[in-house]
Each structure stands twice: as structure tokens, then as C-alpha cells.
Amino acid sequence: MTRIATAAAAQTALMDLMKAQRSVFESQQQLTTGKLYPDLKGAGHRAESISAAYGARDRAESYKFSAERVQGRMDMTAVALEKLTESATDLRVAMTTIDGTYIMDQVREAFDKARNALSTQYAGGYVFGGTRTDTDPVTANTLADLVAAPTAGDIFANSSRRPVAKLDDQLTLEVGVLADEVGTDIMAAFKRLAEFDAGPNGPLNGPLTDAQQTYLQGEIANVMTAFDRISDFVGQNGAQQSRVESMVKSQDQKADYLTSLIGDLEDADMAAAATRFQQAQTAVDVSARTFSVLSQVSLLPFLR
């Protein structure tokens, strides 16, 4: 005689219904969030890979941000060095004339241009200040202040250390140019000219004397030395700009790759999720009807 287990059949139908409902919930959640898993706990063996990929991407984006800040500082440094180069050029050209009044007017203008260039700021800090970014690296505001200083080097208040930027796990870079390194020679030239103007062979006013012309011809060589010094730093800054620009691109590409990898690990296939959702809904309907029928089945009519 075959035994009819009504309760067991109903229990099986109930389990099928619950399974189908869970499938509906999971596929609906994927359609809503676009993710395969609600959190890392649900990712199972993939959780470690997903977590590592997120960490690596965050580092890449952080390094990219750091490199972009350094790049901005270097771009501003390049502009300032160009102004400093113009100052040295203006000074040299003025010294080739024979009008002392014009020369001293140009000396004052060139000094102001050089001083302003060395006091350039970026993101609230002085680009030539080294690690001391909150203080103007040039303390002489006028040509008279420069003359009053014991030496040209005494007017600089920058630190002796350059800022350090970490641009990758394996790359730490010293960046920037120090005001005293790039500016001492040109400021020394301004100081000597101003002191000569105030000395026994001065002032430089009107047509030049023979002694004044001889002095200026000799001083032009010193200005050219200052110009060459500035040009050296222009080249160094340009080389670092190229390197940092390369790091920005590298970290950007790395972040994009890791974003794609994370997507492969945790993003849901929306078309597949929609299909699963429809199939799960159908399964719920079928399971619900089956459970309903079995719940109403009774053997009592057969036992009478």
C-alpha cells in the first residue's frame, strides 16, 4: 500500500516558494543597485579581491591628486621663472645703453619684476619658499631694502629644504625651486648697481661717464651669469614637469583599470538580472499555486 504524505508535499512546495521569493529579492536588488552583492560579506571568495582592488584604486586616485597638485605648483613655478628670466634680460639690455637715468629706471623696474616673481604664490603658499610656504621668501620690498642688507643672500627667508611629494608606492620626489638658489645672483647684480649709483662714481644720471661705461660693461657678464643660473632652473623644472605629468597619466590609467576590474568583480549583468527576475517571478507564481493546492488537500473524504 502506497503512503500519501500530504504534509511532506506541502513542506516541499513551501521551500520551493521561499527559494523562488529569495531569487526574486536578489535579482531585484541587483537591478536596483547594479551590484552582484549587497556588501562584501555576500561576495564570498571574491571579497578579498574586491577589497584589494578598491584599496589599490583609492591609492592611485590619491597619488594622482598629489601629482596634480605638484603639477600645478610646477606650472606656476615655470611662469615665475619666465618672469625672472625677463627681469635679467631687461636688466642686461638696459645696461647696454648710454643713458644713466634710463638705466636706473630699468634697474628699479627689473628689481620689482624679479622680487614679485620670487614671491609667487600657488594654493596659498609661496612656490619658492621650500617647505616654508607661509612666509614670503624675499624680505626686501624695495631696492633700498636690498642695498641695506649685508649681502644679497641675506634678503632670503626660504627654508633650505624642498617639499617632498609621494607620487607612487615606489616614488618620492623633491619638488620646487628655492628662492635663494635661483635669485641670489640676480639680486646681487641689482645690489651692486644700486651701490655703484650711490657711490663716488655715481649717480647714474644722464649721459654715462667713461668710468660708468667701463663698470657697466664688466657688470653685464655678472648679469649673464645670473641669467644662465635662472635658465638652469628653468630646465630642471621643465624636466620635473614632464616626469610629474607622466605620473598623472599613469595613476589615472591605473585608477581606470582598477575601476574596470572592480566592475568585473561586483557589477551585475543587468540584462541577465532582468531575465532572472522574470524567471523568479514566474517560479514564485507557480510555487505559490502549488503550495496553495497542497495546503487544501485532505485525506478525510477517502477515510469515510
Protein backbone atom coordinates (compact mmCIF):
# COMPACT_ATOMS: atom_id res chain seq x y z
CA MET A 1 0.00 0.00 0.00
CA THR A 2 1.45 3.43 -1.01
CA ARG A 3 1.56 6.07 1.73
CA ILE A 4 0.38 9.56 0.78
CA ALA A 5 2.41 12.18 2.71
CA THR A 6 0.38 15.36 2.29
CA ALA A 7 2.34 17.35 4.88
CA ALA A 8 5.68 16.47 3.31
CA ALA A 9 4.50 17.54 -0.14
CA ALA A 10 3.23 20.83 1.23
CA GLN A 11 6.54 21.42 3.04
CA THR A 12 8.46 20.83 -0.19
CA ALA A 13 6.20 23.25 -2.03
CA LEU A 14 6.75 25.85 0.72
CA MET A 15 10.53 25.50 0.44
CA ASP A 16 10.29 25.95 -3.34
CA LEU A 17 8.20 29.06 -2.81
CA MET A 18 10.70 30.54 -0.35
CA LYS A 19 13.57 29.77 -2.70
CA ALA A 20 11.78 31.48 -5.58
CA GLN A 21 10.99 34.51 -3.39
CA ARG A 22 14.64 34.79 -2.41
CA SER A 23 15.63 34.66 -6.07
CA VAL A 24 13.16 37.46 -6.80
CA PHE A 25 14.63 39.54 -3.96
CA GLU A 26 18.24 39.00 -5.08
CA SER A 27 17.61 39.73 -8.76
CA GLN A 28 15.50 42.78 -7.87
CA GLN A 29 18.31 44.03 -5.63
CA GLN A 30 20.80 43.60 -8.47
CA LEU A 31 18.54 45.57 -10.80
CA THR A 32 18.21 48.34 -8.21
CA THR A 33 21.88 48.62 -7.16
CA GLY A 34 23.61 47.33 -10.27
CA LYS A 35 25.76 45.15 -7.99
CA LEU A 36 26.01 41.39 -7.70
CA TYR A 37 26.29 41.54 -3.90
CA PRO A 38 24.71 43.83 -1.29
CA ASP A 39 28.05 44.02 0.58
CA LEU A 40 31.43 42.32 0.81
CA LYS A 41 30.00 39.62 3.08
CA GLY A 42 27.84 38.47 0.23
CA ALA A 43 30.77 38.35 -2.18
CA GLY A 44 32.17 35.16 -0.67
CA HIS A 45 35.59 34.20 -2.04
CA ARG A 46 35.62 37.35 -4.20
CA ALA A 47 35.51 39.66 -1.18
CA GLU A 48 39.27 39.76 -0.70
CA SER A 49 39.91 40.57 -4.37
CA ILE A 50 37.25 43.29 -4.39
CA SER A 51 38.60 44.86 -1.20
CA ALA A 52 42.18 44.81 -2.54
CA ALA A 53 41.07 46.38 -5.83
CA TYR A 54 39.25 49.18 -4.00
CA GLY A 55 42.33 49.87 -1.87
CA ALA A 56 44.62 49.97 -4.89
CA ARG A 57 42.25 52.29 -6.75
CA ASP A 58 42.00 54.65 -3.77
CA ARG A 59 45.80 54.83 -3.61
CA ALA A 60 46.04 55.51 -7.35
CA GLU A 61 43.49 58.32 -7.09
CA SER A 62 45.30 59.76 -4.07
CA TYR A 63 48.63 59.68 -5.90
CA LYS A 64 47.02 61.26 -8.95
CA PHE A 65 45.61 64.09 -6.80
CA SER A 66 49.04 64.62 -5.22
CA ALA A 67 50.72 64.64 -8.64
CA GLU A 68 48.18 67.15 -9.97
CA ARG A 69 48.91 69.49 -7.07
CA VAL A 70 52.63 69.18 -7.73
CA GLN A 71 51.99 69.74 -11.42
CA GLY A 72 50.05 72.93 -10.66
CA ARG A 73 52.86 74.18 -8.44
CA MET A 74 55.44 73.44 -11.15
CA ASP A 75 53.35 75.19 -13.79
CA MET A 76 53.23 78.27 -11.59
CA THR A 77 56.97 77.96 -10.93
CA ALA A 78 57.58 77.90 -14.69
CA VAL A 79 55.61 81.13 -15.11
CA ALA A 80 57.56 82.77 -12.27
CA LEU A 81 60.90 81.65 -13.69
CA GLU A 82 59.91 83.13 -17.04
CA LYS A 83 59.29 86.47 -15.31
CA LEU A 84 62.64 86.17 -13.55
CA THR A 85 64.32 85.49 -16.89
CA GLU A 86 62.62 88.57 -18.35
CA SER A 87 63.93 90.62 -15.42
CA ALA A 88 67.51 89.53 -16.11
CA THR A 89 67.08 90.20 -19.83
CA ASP A 90 65.60 93.67 -19.22
CA LEU A 91 68.49 94.49 -16.91
CA ARG A 92 71.12 93.33 -19.40
CA VAL A 93 69.55 95.28 -22.27
CA ALA A 94 69.28 98.45 -20.16
CA MET A 95 72.96 98.24 -19.26
CA THR A 96 73.94 98.42 -22.94
CA THR A 97 72.50 101.94 -23.27
CA ILE A 98 74.38 105.19 -22.53
CA ASP A 99 71.62 106.96 -20.61
CA GLY A 100 72.18 106.60 -16.87
CA THR A 101 68.71 107.84 -15.96
CA TYR A 102 67.08 105.23 -18.19
CA ILE A 103 69.36 102.53 -16.81
CA MET A 104 68.40 103.19 -13.19
CA ASP A 105 64.70 103.38 -14.06
CA GLN A 106 65.05 99.96 -15.69
CA VAL A 107 67.04 98.63 -12.73
CA ARG A 108 64.17 99.53 -10.38
CA GLU A 109 61.55 98.04 -12.71
CA ALA A 110 63.57 94.87 -13.25
CA PHE A 111 64.09 94.53 -9.49
CA ASP A 112 60.34 94.81 -8.86
CA LYS A 113 59.68 92.17 -11.53
CA ALA A 114 62.26 89.81 -10.02
CA ARG A 115 61.04 90.40 -6.50
CA ASN A 116 57.41 89.72 -7.48
CA ALA A 117 58.42 86.59 -9.40
CA LEU A 118 60.26 85.18 -6.38
CA SER A 119 57.21 85.93 -4.21
CA THR A 120 54.81 83.99 -6.46
CA GLN A 121 52.13 82.02 -4.62
CA TYR A 122 50.20 78.88 -5.51
CA ALA A 123 47.33 77.42 -3.48
CA GLY A 124 48.08 79.83 -0.66
CA GLY A 125 51.80 79.01 -0.39
CA TYR A 126 54.98 80.60 -1.74
CA VAL A 127 56.37 78.42 -4.51
CA PHE A 128 60.00 79.45 -3.89
CA GLY A 129 59.76 79.11 -0.11
CA GLY A 130 60.72 75.44 0.07
CA THR A 131 58.96 73.74 2.97
CA ARG A 132 58.35 77.18 4.49
CA THR A 133 55.36 78.10 2.36
CA ASP A 134 53.68 80.54 4.77
CA THR A 135 56.39 83.22 4.63
CA ASP A 136 57.43 85.44 1.73
CA PRO A 137 60.90 84.15 0.77
CA VAL A 138 62.07 87.68 -0.15
CA THR A 139 62.29 90.18 2.71
CA ALA A 140 63.47 93.16 0.63
CA ASN A 141 60.46 95.07 -0.71
CA THR A 142 62.45 97.84 -2.39
CA LEU A 143 65.84 98.37 -3.94
CA ALA A 144 66.74 100.41 -0.84
CA ASP A 145 65.98 97.38 1.36
CA LEU A 146 68.32 95.30 -0.79
CA VAL A 147 71.11 97.87 -0.51
CA ALA A 148 70.68 97.96 3.27
CA ALA A 149 71.20 94.19 3.58
CA PRO A 150 74.77 92.99 4.32
CA THR A 151 74.69 90.70 1.28
CA ALA A 152 72.15 89.79 -1.38
CA GLY A 153 71.76 86.36 0.19
CA ASP A 154 70.57 87.92 3.45
CA ILE A 155 67.25 89.02 1.96
CA PHE A 156 66.02 85.44 1.51
CA ALA A 157 63.85 83.75 4.14
CA ASN A 158 63.06 80.45 2.41
CA SER A 159 63.81 77.12 4.06
CA SER A 160 66.78 75.04 2.97
CA ARG A 161 64.60 72.02 2.13
CA ARG A 162 62.31 71.43 -0.81
CA PRO A 163 58.84 69.90 -0.37
CA VAL A 164 58.66 66.14 -0.85
CA ALA A 165 55.79 64.53 -2.75
CA LYS A 166 54.96 60.83 -2.78
CA LEU A 167 53.68 60.09 -6.28
CA ASP A 168 53.66 56.28 -6.20
CA ASP A 169 54.36 53.42 -3.82
CA GLN A 170 57.98 53.43 -5.02
CA LEU A 171 58.47 57.11 -5.98
CA THR A 172 59.11 60.05 -3.67
CA LEU A 173 60.15 63.27 -5.40
CA GLU A 174 61.70 66.51 -4.15
CA VAL A 175 59.94 69.32 -5.97
CA GLY A 176 60.27 73.06 -6.39
CA VAL A 177 62.99 75.69 -6.61
CA LEU A 178 64.38 77.65 -3.66
CA ALA A 179 64.38 81.45 -3.85
CA ASP A 180 67.97 81.89 -2.68
CA GLU A 181 69.29 79.29 -5.12
CA VAL A 182 67.76 80.90 -8.18
CA GLY A 183 67.63 84.52 -7.05
CA THR A 184 70.88 85.34 -5.22
CA ASP A 185 72.93 86.08 -8.36
CA ILE A 186 70.38 88.42 -9.94
CA MET A 187 69.73 90.19 -6.63
CA ALA A 188 73.48 90.60 -6.15
CA ALA A 189 73.64 92.33 -9.54
CA PHE A 190 70.84 94.73 -8.53
CA LYS A 191 72.62 95.44 -5.25
CA ARG A 192 75.96 96.21 -6.92
CA LEU A 193 74.33 98.54 -9.45
CA ALA A 194 72.42 100.41 -6.75
CA GLU A 195 75.56 100.71 -4.61
CA PHE A 196 77.57 101.96 -7.60
CA ASP A 197 74.86 104.53 -8.32
CA ALA A 198 75.12 105.76 -4.71
CA GLY A 199 78.94 105.63 -4.66
CA PRO A 200 81.69 108.05 -5.69
CA ASN A 201 81.35 107.22 -9.40
CA GLY A 202 77.60 107.82 -9.35
CA PRO A 203 74.95 108.73 -9.75
CA LEU A 204 73.87 107.09 -12.98
CA ASN A 205 72.05 110.16 -14.22
CA GLY A 206 72.14 111.41 -17.78
CA PRO A 207 74.96 110.52 -20.20
CA LEU A 208 77.40 107.94 -18.85
CA THR A 209 80.97 108.79 -17.97
CA ASP A 210 83.83 106.60 -19.20
CA ALA A 211 84.20 105.09 -15.73
CA GLN A 212 80.50 104.29 -15.61
CA GLN A 213 80.56 102.67 -19.05
CA THR A 214 83.58 100.57 -18.09
CA TYR A 215 81.86 99.41 -14.92
CA LEU A 216 78.62 98.52 -16.68
CA GLN A 217 80.43 96.56 -19.39
CA GLY A 218 82.08 94.46 -16.72
CA GLU A 219 78.83 94.02 -14.80
CA ILE A 220 76.99 92.71 -17.86
CA ALA A 221 78.98 89.48 -17.55
CA ASN A 222 77.67 89.05 -13.99
CA VAL A 223 74.11 89.59 -15.17
CA MET A 224 74.63 86.96 -17.88
CA THR A 225 75.86 84.56 -15.19
CA ALA A 226 72.65 85.23 -13.25
CA PHE A 227 70.64 84.68 -16.43
CA ASP A 228 72.36 81.34 -17.03
CA ARG A 229 71.67 80.34 -13.43
CA ILE A 230 67.97 81.04 -13.87
CA SER A 231 67.96 79.15 -17.18
CA ASP A 232 69.41 76.09 -15.45
CA PHE A 233 66.47 76.04 -13.05
CA VAL A 234 64.03 76.56 -15.93
CA GLY A 235 65.42 73.37 -17.47
CA GLN A 236 65.32 71.43 -14.20
CA ASN A 237 61.74 72.49 -13.52
CA GLY A 238 60.74 71.55 -17.06
CA ALA A 239 62.23 68.08 -16.70
CA GLN A 240 60.34 67.55 -13.45
CA GLN A 241 57.15 68.84 -15.06
CA SER A 242 57.41 66.15 -17.72
CA ARG A 243 58.02 63.48 -15.11
CA VAL A 244 55.09 64.55 -12.96
CA GLU A 245 52.80 64.84 -15.99
CA SER A 246 53.71 61.26 -16.83
CA MET A 247 52.83 60.21 -13.27
CA VAL A 248 49.42 61.92 -13.50
CA LYS A 249 48.64 59.96 -16.66
CA SER A 250 49.98 56.73 -15.18
CA GLN A 251 47.90 56.98 -11.99
CA ASP A 252 44.83 57.98 -14.00
CA GLN A 253 45.21 54.92 -16.23
CA LYS A 254 45.77 52.71 -13.18
CA ALA A 255 42.64 54.06 -11.48
CA ASP A 256 40.60 53.48 -14.66
CA TYR A 257 41.88 49.91 -14.96
CA LEU A 258 41.07 49.14 -11.32
CA THR A 259 37.60 50.65 -11.70
CA SER A 260 37.03 48.32 -14.64
CA LEU A 261 38.36 45.38 -12.62
CA ILE A 262 36.06 46.19 -9.71
CA GLY A 263 33.17 46.33 -12.15
CA ASP A 264 34.04 42.89 -13.48
CA LEU A 265 34.10 41.54 -9.93
CA GLU A 266 30.95 43.11 -8.50
CA ASP A 267 28.80 44.70 -11.20
CA ALA A 268 25.69 42.80 -12.23
CA ASP A 269 24.82 41.95 -15.83
CA MET A 270 21.63 43.99 -15.99
CA ALA A 271 20.13 42.04 -18.91
CA ALA A 272 20.81 38.74 -17.17
CA ALA A 273 19.45 40.12 -13.89
CA ALA A 274 16.25 41.21 -15.62
CA THR A 275 15.84 37.73 -17.13
CA ARG A 276 16.44 36.09 -13.74
CA PHE A 277 13.92 38.45 -12.15
CA GLN A 278 11.23 37.49 -14.66
CA GLN A 279 12.01 33.80 -14.28
CA ALA A 280 11.97 34.09 -10.49
CA GLN A 281 8.60 35.85 -10.55
CA THR A 282 7.19 33.04 -12.68
CA ALA A 283 8.65 30.49 -10.27
CA VAL A 284 7.04 32.32 -7.33
CA ASP A 285 3.65 32.24 -9.03
CA VAL A 286 3.94 28.52 -9.80
CA SER A 287 5.24 27.65 -6.33
CA ALA A 288 2.55 29.72 -4.66
CA ARG A 289 -0.23 28.00 -6.60
CA THR A 290 1.27 24.57 -5.89
CA PHE A 291 1.58 25.31 -2.18
CA SER A 292 -1.97 26.64 -2.08
CA VAL A 293 -3.36 23.49 -3.72
CA LEU A 294 -1.40 21.15 -1.45
CA SER A 295 -2.41 23.12 1.64
CA GLN A 296 -6.06 22.44 0.85
CA VAL A 297 -5.64 18.72 0.09
CA SER A 298 -7.19 16.42 2.76
CA LEU A 299 -7.48 12.61 3.00
CA LEU A 300 -10.61 12.75 5.12
CA PRO A 301 -13.02 12.16 2.20
CA PHE A 302 -11.19 8.92 1.41
CA LEU A 303 -11.31 7.68 5.00
CA ARG A 304 -15.08 7.86 5.43
